[in-house]
């Protein structure tokens, strides 16, 4: 059935007898608090008395050796409780677990060297965050910049800079797999079609960044941590091991609400270790809240992947074999659970298609970029971008209809459950019918007519198609496919996906449910209340649902958490199982009083009655509370009906076989998308004209929630396709550290999709539900890319589809400038970003006066923006403390400037360096003084400045303008000091005074 619209039903109203709450779009229980500002996020939770606050000094370099750290001045600052560096953390913790068998270590802070911009180098703990940030400015850190490598292909080439000496190179893992007989299939193929694609880095940008509140108990030798960590709670073992305590001495708690995650809050765990260690040293609770710049540059993002994919194809477009070659870039450190992104889709490498023969080569490489982790879609976008680009290329190269190629290769409906070549067990589906319905109900014929009409007018219009399988409920053992069968046998089997839910009935018969899943806006409490209400014949308003996690109090397993779209299929299913078990006990209790068989007891409208009988119904509360008030009256086969905890483990999720077959997920939804896009002929901007997405997510538990999940995943995917990219310079400098450079779509840019549904319930889950939260992140980027490629008539296309990348297809390469630049700017050194500029300032003073002022410390102290004082240790040297603000970044720097090539009073060259907690800079400027008329001097200046660190991350739009502003302020101040008033600032002040401002 289609769920284009859902009618809201109050969760307190009674339903017709026999009707179910599950499957209805009830108003969300969560919304009342969230929409009135009463949500309780991490920063809303109170802190224990004496809580201190942490700030983190981060690497300004992509790759550098740490020569010296001097934190004496920071430690001496009143109110600072502790300063921790790599040596302190190494003494208190152990290296974080690495996901492959490799001789490398992974610490939550830099030790011998830094390997990416933003890597923690020191932690300050102080009375408040402001003081901690001030103390960061007092830490002196000296680096020796090293060559960096950011391109994965370059990282595996001979002679590349090596990140971890233990590896001897940058290749952390390599495995090859073979299923069926791909060699014969390729040898006999009528056609061989291949694509080479490079999927870029992108991330999710939740409103709420990371937050950690940690406390150490010396008596227990244990830690109590509150963090907006989402799971999987397999990381609990990683954290406790790193902190050198047993798991029962690490209490990990989560707030009631989370301001989004979409996977990235799994990556908070190194900071949990870091702040917990800081709390131990400081002897007090320590709180740390990540800011936006830190999040963009140093939290977690998706992997970038280079893929070559080749298909053996029959003349009619039927694919017989696939050959995958994947190079996965996991950044500077291989943090758990990586390389999970590469292996999560291992069972689904054939997508929605019945392809019998497959070969796979997987390589994991390390580069000088942010370490990667969970991100919405988690490996799916990288796989489907290659696979669905290939399907379009097959159609084009064979002269076939792209939609027909998709249809000919789909897994047939009578084949389910279907075992893929690489081991996945696809639970249910009717892909062909879903495609047909999408084509008809989505109006593909009209869209084709619209495209043809647009092209007849000379416009650039294209249509794209995508078919995809959306896996959900991950098998915890899939990651072990990175190991050889022999290594797995030695380590012991790992598999499964255990889910947990607890239902409790109190002394007045009220029902509470606790689930081991951390919500990030999906509406957990609403849906669980519906499921449990159906089991007990109550209304959802009668059910209280708790979704906070506390590992010291609640039932949980290592698979607990909110990831892999496991809520509807696994968590709600576990709640259903727990409710069903309690229901059976309550039915036996009521059967004694109703004098009937337990199977005849019906739960309806808040009562228990005999189905079809005349006996007076029993109130639910009376029967449910009897275990509290009259336990002696319970039937012999009922011990109690107070509390029930269900642990559900699906038997289909077995460990990888000796042949490397792995059912990497339990459930497999189906998605079929098509879209029409138009490209502006002048600006090369992509406009989504229409987008249709068909989903089979099994049984739909709440139509409104599903629509919200699809819309959310689609919006994320539009960002990944058209706007977002973690951009790095060749030297490892991070270039997209603000929303000015890392563009995310707003509601204005996201064309609402037409959402359609075709339900085939899963036979493997308690409620027949499958996941739906990640599908469009997998399908939409490649669907849009296929449409753009169709519009432009090109074979290769790369994400993100920004106008600058598409413009050459429309206008050709940008012509060379008519006049060559006068002087080519020198290349930046490792870890630097180069700024250049020139200009002229006019001062109403003689050339000699200006010269004298430039060499006078007192004058310079009064005109240099942010200067706290200038000293002149020699006639040609100056030192200064300067505070500069550039966009959202403000920090204190130590500056050293030397004067060279002095030709009094005509010209000089200034060379200098600046260092501070927010970054570094070095450069030079040439100053020439010209006196065209007596008493009036023109200051001609030309500068080039190399910067690195946090200031370099804020992006070119702000930096170039800020440099001009700062230099302009300097000369404006010089002009005012000379009494000439020739600067724009002086003119502006005179204008304000004319209007009575500042007089």
Foldseek 3Di string as FASTA:
>chain_A
DWPLDADEDELADFDPPPDFLFPHFHPFPPCVCVVVVNAQAPVNDDDDPPAWEKDFFWDQFLKWFWPDKDLPVLCPPPFWLDKDFPVLLVVQFAFFDFQDPFPFGHAQADDGMARFFLRTGMMIIGRYPVSNQFSQFVMDIDIGADFFFDDLVQQQDPPHDALTVRRVGFWGFKDKAWFDCQVVLQVPFPDKFKDKEKAFKFFDQFPFAKKKKKAADVVLRAIEIEIQAFDLLLCLCRLCNGSVHPSLRYKYWYGQAYRDDQWQSNQCSSVNNVQNSVNVSSVHIYMYGDDQLSRLAAGAIAWIKIKMKMFRAHLVLATAEIEIEIETEQESGRHPPPVCLQQLCQQQLVFQFQHRIYMYMYIYGYGSGHGHTRHFCRNQQVSQLRVQLRLLRSCVVSVHDSVVSVLVGGDAQVQPLPAHRQAARAFHDHVNVLVVCLCVVVVVVVVVVVQVVCVVVVFQKFKFKGKGKQFFQFWPQRSCLSPALVVDVVVDFGTWQKWKKKWFADQQGQIEIEGLERDHPLSLLQLLLSLLCRLQQRRSVSYHYGYMDIPNPDDDDSNGGDDRLCCVFHGSLQSNVQSNVLSLQLLQQVCVVQVHDSVQWDRHPQWTHGNVDDDDTHGSSVSQNCCVVPVVSGDPVHNGSGMGMGMDIFPSITHQDNSSRGNGGDHIKMKMKMFMWTADLPQRAIATPAIEMEIAFASRRHSVSLLVLQQVLQQQQLLWAAFARFDADSLSFTAASDCVRGPGDDPVRRDDHSYTYDHDFGPRGNVSGGGRNRVNSNTVNSRVVRGSCRSLVHSDDHPRSYSVRCVCSNPNDDDDDPDDDPDDDDDDDRSWDKAKDKDKFKAQFALQVLQVLVQDQVSQQQQQAQWPGWDDPDSFKIWTWGWDDFVPDIWIKIKIWGWAPDDPSFKIKIWIKIDGSQWIKTWMKIWGWDPPDGRMIMIIMIIMMIITGSVNHNHDVRVNVRVVVSVLSRSCSSRVVSVNNRGPVSVVVVVCVVVVPPD
